[in-house]
Amino acid sequence: MAESPKKKCPICGKPMVEEFKPFCSRRCADIDLNRWLTGNYVIPARDDEPLPDADGEDENF
């Protein structure tokens, strides 16, 4: 049976280290966290859902 390939760090491509999974080091984990906190990674929003009124009530009632 063939050995599965080592997973690589998504930041630098080095082999993943279990302690910092899925990264290879604290540095790469911190780089990833910084990217989330500064808005470099964005989860797109859907525009097809109406937003509630400012008072939180539905205008149909």
PDB file of N, CA and C in Angstrom:
ATOM      1  N   MET A   1       0.850  -1.185   0.000  1.00  0.00           N
ATOM      2  CA  MET A   1       0.000   0.000   0.000  1.00  0.00           C
ATOM      3  C   MET A   1       0.892   1.244   0.000  1.00  0.00           C
ATOM      4  N   ALA A   2       0.572   2.200  -0.850  1.00  0.00           N
ATOM      5  CA  ALA A   2       1.382   3.416  -0.958  1.00  0.00           C
ATOM      6  C   ALA A   2       1.127   4.344   0.219  1.00  0.00           C
ATOM      7  N   GLU A   3       2.185   4.995   0.665  1.00  0.00           N
ATOM      8  CA  GLU A   3       2.074   5.960   1.763  1.00  0.00           C
ATOM      9  C   GLU A   3       1.448   7.248   1.237  1.00  0.00           C
ATOM     10  N   SER A   4       0.507   7.808   1.999  1.00  0.00           N
ATOM     11  CA  SER A   4      -0.134   9.038   1.550  1.00  0.00           C
ATOM     12  C   SER A   4       0.861  10.191   1.624  1.00  0.00           C
ATOM     13  N   PRO A   5       0.773  11.122   0.669  1.00  0.00           N
ATOM     14  CA  PRO A   5       1.717  12.252   0.694  1.00  0.00           C
ATOM     15  C   PRO A   5       1.501  13.121   1.919  1.00  0.00           C
ATOM     16  N   LYS A   6       2.588  13.691   2.411  1.00  0.00           N
ATOM     17  CA  LYS A   6       2.504  14.590   3.573  1.00  0.00           C
ATOM     18  C   LYS A   6       1.702  15.827   3.194  1.00  0.00           C
ATOM     19  N   LYS A   7       0.865  16.263   4.115  1.00  0.00           N
ATOM     20  CA  LYS A   7       0.120  17.498   3.871  1.00  0.00           C
ATOM     21  C   LYS A   7       1.078  18.663   3.997  1.00  0.00           C
ATOM     22  N   LYS A   8       0.814  19.695   3.199  1.00  0.00           N
ATOM     23  CA  LYS A   8       1.699  20.847   3.184  1.00  0.00           C
ATOM     24  C   LYS A   8       1.029  22.057   3.826  1.00  0.00           C
ATOM     25  N   CYS A   9       1.841  22.905   4.377  1.00  0.00           N
ATOM     26  CA  CYS A   9       1.400  24.164   4.973  1.00  0.00           C
ATOM     27  C   CYS A   9       0.765  25.023   3.878  1.00  0.00           C
ATOM     28  N   PRO A  10      -0.442  25.545   4.102  1.00  0.00           N
ATOM     29  CA  PRO A  10      -1.088  26.368   3.075  1.00  0.00           C
ATOM     30  C   PRO A  10      -0.420  27.730   2.871  1.00  0.00           C
ATOM     31  N   ILE A  11       0.454  28.131   3.780  1.00  0.00           N
ATOM     32  CA  ILE A  11       1.127  29.428   3.659  1.00  0.00           C
ATOM     33  C   ILE A  11       2.430  29.302   2.889  1.00  0.00           C
ATOM     34  N   CYS A  12       3.298  28.357   3.285  1.00  0.00           N
ATOM     35  CA  CYS A  12       4.629  28.289   2.677  1.00  0.00           C
ATOM     36  C   CYS A  12       4.912  26.998   1.913  1.00  0.00           C
ATOM     37  N   GLY A  13       4.090  25.984   2.086  1.00  0.00           N
ATOM     38  CA  GLY A  13       4.281  24.737   1.355  1.00  0.00           C
ATOM     39  C   GLY A  13       5.180  23.718   2.026  1.00  0.00           C
ATOM     40  N   LYS A  14       5.743  24.044   3.184  1.00  0.00           N
ATOM     41  CA  LYS A  14       6.565  23.079   3.917  1.00  0.00           C
ATOM     42  C   LYS A  14       5.651  22.013   4.526  1.00  0.00           C
ATOM     43  N   PRO A  15       6.201  20.872   4.943  1.00  0.00           N
ATOM     44  CA  PRO A  15       5.366  19.837   5.556  1.00  0.00           C
ATOM     45  C   PRO A  15       4.675  20.340   6.828  1.00  0.00           C
ATOM     46  N   MET A  16       3.422  19.942   7.001  1.00  0.00           N
ATOM     47  CA  MET A  16       2.628  20.323   8.165  1.00  0.00           C
ATOM     48  C   MET A  16       3.228  19.705   9.428  1.00  0.00           C
ATOM     49  N   VAL A  17       3.140  20.427  10.539  1.00  0.00           N
ATOM     50  CA  VAL A  17       3.579  19.938  11.845  1.00  0.00           C
ATOM     51  C   VAL A  17       2.323  19.784  12.698  1.00  0.00           C
ATOM     52  N   GLU A  18       2.156  18.625  13.314  1.00  0.00           N
ATOM     53  CA  GLU A  18       0.936  18.315  14.072  1.00  0.00           C
ATOM     54  C   GLU A  18       0.604  19.391  15.106  1.00  0.00           C
ATOM     55  N   GLU A  19       1.607  19.926  15.772  1.00  0.00           N
ATOM     56  CA  GLU A  19       1.383  20.944  16.816  1.00  0.00           C
ATOM     57  C   GLU A  19       0.709  22.207  16.267  1.00  0.00           C
ATOM     58  N   PHE A  20       0.989  22.552  15.019  1.00  0.00           N
ATOM     59  CA  PHE A  20       0.463  23.782  14.420  1.00  0.00           C
ATOM     60  C   PHE A  20      -0.527  23.496  13.289  1.00  0.00           C
ATOM     61  N   LYS A  21      -1.033  22.301  13.240  1.00  0.00           N
ATOM     62  CA  LYS A  21      -1.932  21.835  12.181  1.00  0.00           C
ATOM     63  C   LYS A  21      -2.956  22.890  11.811  1.00  0.00           C
ATOM     64  N   PRO A  22      -3.143  23.246  10.575  1.00  0.00           N
ATOM     65  CA  PRO A  22      -2.590  22.677   9.341  1.00  0.00           C
ATOM     66  C   PRO A  22      -1.322  23.382   8.864  1.00  0.00           C
ATOM     67  N   PHE A  23      -0.670  24.112   9.736  1.00  0.00           N
ATOM     68  CA  PHE A  23       0.514  24.893   9.356  1.00  0.00           C
ATOM     69  C   PHE A  23       1.789  24.163   9.757  1.00  0.00           C
ATOM     70  N   CYS A  24       2.931  24.735   9.365  1.00  0.00           N
ATOM     71  CA  CYS A  24       4.214  24.125   9.698  1.00  0.00           C
ATOM     72  C   CYS A  24       4.844  24.771  10.926  1.00  0.00           C
ATOM     73  N   SER A  25       4.364  25.965  11.305  1.00  0.00           N
ATOM     74  CA  SER A  25       4.983  26.692  12.409  1.00  0.00           C
ATOM     75  C   SER A  25       4.019  27.728  12.966  1.00  0.00           C
ATOM     76  N   ARG A  26       4.362  28.265  14.117  1.00  0.00           N
ATOM     77  CA  ARG A  26       3.578  29.349  14.725  1.00  0.00           C
ATOM     78  C   ARG A  26       3.575  30.566  13.799  1.00  0.00           C
ATOM     79  N   ARG A  27       4.710  30.812  13.132  1.00  0.00           N
ATOM     80  CA  ARG A  27       4.818  31.956  12.220  1.00  0.00           C
ATOM     81  C   ARG A  27       3.765  31.880  11.120  1.00  0.00           C
ATOM     82  N   CYS A  28       3.649  30.721  10.466  1.00  0.00           N
ATOM     83  CA  CYS A  28       2.664  30.585   9.387  1.00  0.00           C
ATOM     84  C   CYS A  28       1.236  30.670   9.925  1.00  0.00           C
ATOM     85  N   ALA A  29       0.996  30.132  11.119  1.00  0.00           N
ATOM     86  CA  ALA A  29      -0.330  30.251  11.734  1.00  0.00           C
ATOM     87  C   ALA A  29      -0.654  31.716  12.001  1.00  0.00           C
ATOM     88  N   ASP A  30       0.324  32.476  12.472  1.00  0.00           N
ATOM     89  CA  ASP A  30       0.117  33.904  12.739  1.00  0.00           C
ATOM     90  C   ASP A  30      -0.099  34.697  11.453  1.00  0.00           C
ATOM     91  N   ILE A  31       0.604  34.332  10.393  1.00  0.00           N
ATOM     92  CA  ILE A  31       0.395  34.991   9.095  1.00  0.00           C
ATOM     93  C   ILE A  31      -1.048  34.777   8.647  1.00  0.00           C
ATOM     94  N   ASP A  32      -1.542  33.549   8.768  1.00  0.00           N
ATOM     95  CA  ASP A  32      -2.911  33.237   8.372  1.00  0.00           C
ATOM     96  C   ASP A  32      -3.918  34.015   9.218  1.00  0.00           C
ATOM     97  N   LEU A  33      -3.711  34.058  10.530  1.00  0.00           N
ATOM     98  CA  LEU A  33      -4.596  34.808  11.419  1.00  0.00           C
ATOM     99  C   LEU A  33      -4.611  36.286  11.041  1.00  0.00           C
ATOM    100  N   ASN A  34      -3.450  36.848  10.757  1.00  0.00           N
ATOM    101  CA  ASN A  34      -3.363  38.254  10.351  1.00  0.00           C
ATOM    102  C   ASN A  34      -4.145  38.496   9.063  1.00  0.00           C
ATOM    103  N   ARG A  35      -4.082  37.569   8.144  1.00  0.00           N
ATOM    104  CA  ARG A  35      -4.832  37.724   6.888  1.00  0.00           C
ATOM    105  C   ARG A  35      -6.332  37.755   7.143  1.00  0.00           C
ATOM    106  N   TRP A  36      -6.817  36.923   8.063  1.00  0.00           N
ATOM    107  CA  TRP A  36      -8.245  36.958   8.412  1.00  0.00           C
ATOM    108  C   TRP A  36      -8.599  38.276   9.087  1.00  0.00           C
ATOM    109  N   LEU A  37      -7.777  38.703  10.041  1.00  0.00           N
ATOM    110  CA  LEU A  37      -8.093  39.898  10.826  1.00  0.00           C
ATOM    111  C   LEU A  37      -8.016  41.194  10.023  1.00  0.00           C
ATOM    112  N   THR A  38      -7.192  41.219   8.981  1.00  0.00           N
ATOM    113  CA  THR A  38      -7.077  42.428   8.172  1.00  0.00           C
ATOM    114  C   THR A  38      -7.987  42.418   6.953  1.00  0.00           C
ATOM    115  N   GLY A  39      -8.784  41.361   6.791  1.00  0.00           N
ATOM    116  CA  GLY A  39      -9.749  41.318   5.697  1.00  0.00           C
ATOM    117  C   GLY A  39      -9.206  40.812   4.376  1.00  0.00           C
ATOM    118  N   ASN A  40      -8.011  40.223   4.364  1.00  0.00           N
ATOM    119  CA  ASN A  40      -7.492  39.659   3.117  1.00  0.00           C
ATOM    120  C   ASN A  40      -8.293  38.442   2.681  1.00  0.00           C
ATOM    121  N   TYR A  41      -8.818  37.687   3.635  1.00  0.00           N
ATOM    122  CA  TYR A  41      -9.698  36.570   3.325  1.00  0.00           C
ATOM    123  C   TYR A  41     -11.115  37.083   3.545  1.00  0.00           C
ATOM    124  N   VAL A  42     -11.983  36.859   2.581  1.00  0.00           N
ATOM    125  CA  VAL A  42     -13.353  37.339   2.691  1.00  0.00           C
ATOM    126  C   VAL A  42     -14.304  36.219   2.308  1.00  0.00           C
ATOM    127  N   ILE A  43     -15.306  36.011   3.114  1.00  0.00           N
ATOM    128  CA  ILE A  43     -16.368  35.074   2.779  1.00  0.00           C
ATOM    129  C   ILE A  43     -17.466  35.899   2.124  1.00  0.00           C
ATOM    130  N   PRO A  44     -17.757  35.631   0.845  1.00  0.00           N
ATOM    131  CA  PRO A  44     -18.725  36.475   0.140  1.00  0.00           C
ATOM    132  C   PRO A  44     -20.120  36.378   0.743  1.00  0.00           C
ATOM    133  N   ALA A  45     -20.809  37.502   0.759  1.00  0.00           N
ATOM    134  CA  ALA A  45     -22.184  37.559   1.252  1.00  0.00           C
ATOM    135  C   ALA A  45     -23.138  37.366   0.080  1.00  0.00           C
ATOM    136  N   ARG A  46     -24.325  36.912   0.394  1.00  0.00           N
ATOM    137  CA  ARG A  46     -25.351  36.760  -0.637  1.00  0.00           C
ATOM    138  C   ARG A  46     -26.264  37.973  -0.588  1.00  0.00           C
ATOM    139  N   ASP A  47     -26.549  38.568  -1.740  1.00  0.00           N
ATOM    140  CA  ASP A  47     -27.395  39.750  -1.815  1.00  0.00           C
ATOM    141  C   ASP A  47     -28.871  39.420  -2.001  1.00  0.00           C
ATOM    142  N   ASP A  48     -29.216  38.142  -2.159  1.00  0.00           N
ATOM    143  CA  ASP A  48     -30.602  37.796  -2.444  1.00  0.00           C
ATOM    144  C   ASP A  48     -31.476  37.659  -1.198  1.00  0.00           C
ATOM    145  N   GLU A  49     -30.909  37.799  -0.014  1.00  0.00           N
ATOM    146  CA  GLU A  49     -31.690  37.720   1.220  1.00  0.00           C
ATOM    147  C   GLU A  49     -31.926  39.124   1.766  1.00  0.00           C
ATOM    148  N   PRO A  50     -33.205  39.491   2.017  1.00  0.00           N
ATOM    149  CA  PRO A  50     -33.477  40.833   2.537  1.00  0.00           C
ATOM    150  C   PRO A  50     -32.952  40.998   3.958  1.00  0.00           C
ATOM    151  N   LEU A  51     -32.500  42.195   4.264  1.00  0.00           N
ATOM    152  CA  LEU A  51     -32.022  42.510   5.607  1.00  0.00           C
ATOM    153  C   LEU A  51     -33.204  42.911   6.480  1.00  0.00           C
ATOM    154  N   PRO A  52     -33.185  42.590   7.770  1.00  0.00           N
ATOM    155  CA  PRO A  52     -34.276  43.015   8.658  1.00  0.00           C
ATOM    156  C   PRO A  52     -34.255  44.533   8.843  1.00  0.00           C
ATOM    157  N   ASP A  53     -35.404  45.074   9.223  1.00  0.00           N
ATOM    158  CA  ASP A  53     -35.484  46.512   9.520  1.00  0.00           C
ATOM    159  C   ASP A  53     -34.559  46.847  10.672  1.00  0.00           C
ATOM    160  N   ALA A  54     -34.259  48.114  10.822  1.00  0.00           N
ATOM    161  CA  ALA A  54     -33.357  48.560  11.878  1.00  0.00           C
ATOM    162  C   ALA A  54     -33.889  48.203  13.264  1.00  0.00           C
ATOM    163  N   ASP A  55     -35.230  48.197  13.433  1.00  0.00           N
ATOM    164  CA  ASP A  55     -35.797  47.859  14.737  1.00  0.00           C
ATOM    165  C   ASP A  55     -35.967  46.355  14.929  1.00  0.00           C
ATOM    166  N   GLY A  56     -35.622  45.570  13.904  1.00  0.00           N
ATOM    167  CA  GLY A  56     -35.655  44.118  14.004  1.00  0.00           C
ATOM    168  C   GLY A  56     -37.020  43.515  13.723  1.00  0.00           C
ATOM    169  N   GLU A  57     -38.012  44.328  13.397  1.00  0.00           N
ATOM    170  CA  GLU A  57     -39.359  43.821  13.121  1.00  0.00           C
ATOM    171  C   GLU A  57     -39.542  43.614  11.638  1.00  0.00           C
ATOM    172  N   ASP A  58     -40.387  42.658  11.304  1.00  0.00           N
ATOM    173  CA  ASP A  58     -40.717  42.390   9.917  1.00  0.00           C
ATOM    174  C   ASP A  58     -41.777  43.377   9.473  1.00  0.00           C
ATOM    175  N   GLU A  59     -41.577  44.019   8.338  1.00  0.00           N
ATOM    176  CA  GLU A  59     -42.501  45.064   7.884  1.00  0.00           C
ATOM    177  C   GLU A  59     -43.840  44.520   7.390  1.00  0.00           C
ATOM    178  N   ASN A  60     -43.965  43.194   7.216  1.00  0.00           N
ATOM    179  CA  ASN A  60     -45.222  42.615   6.740  1.00  0.00           C
ATOM    180  C   ASN A  60     -46.237  42.414   7.840  1.00  0.00           C
ATOM    181  N   PHE A  61     -45.870  42.629   9.085  1.00  0.00           N
ATOM    182  CA  PHE A  61     -46.824  42.385  10.197  1.00  0.00           C
ATOM    183  C   PHE A  61     -47.369  43.661  10.727  1.00  0.00           C
TER     184      PHE A  61
END
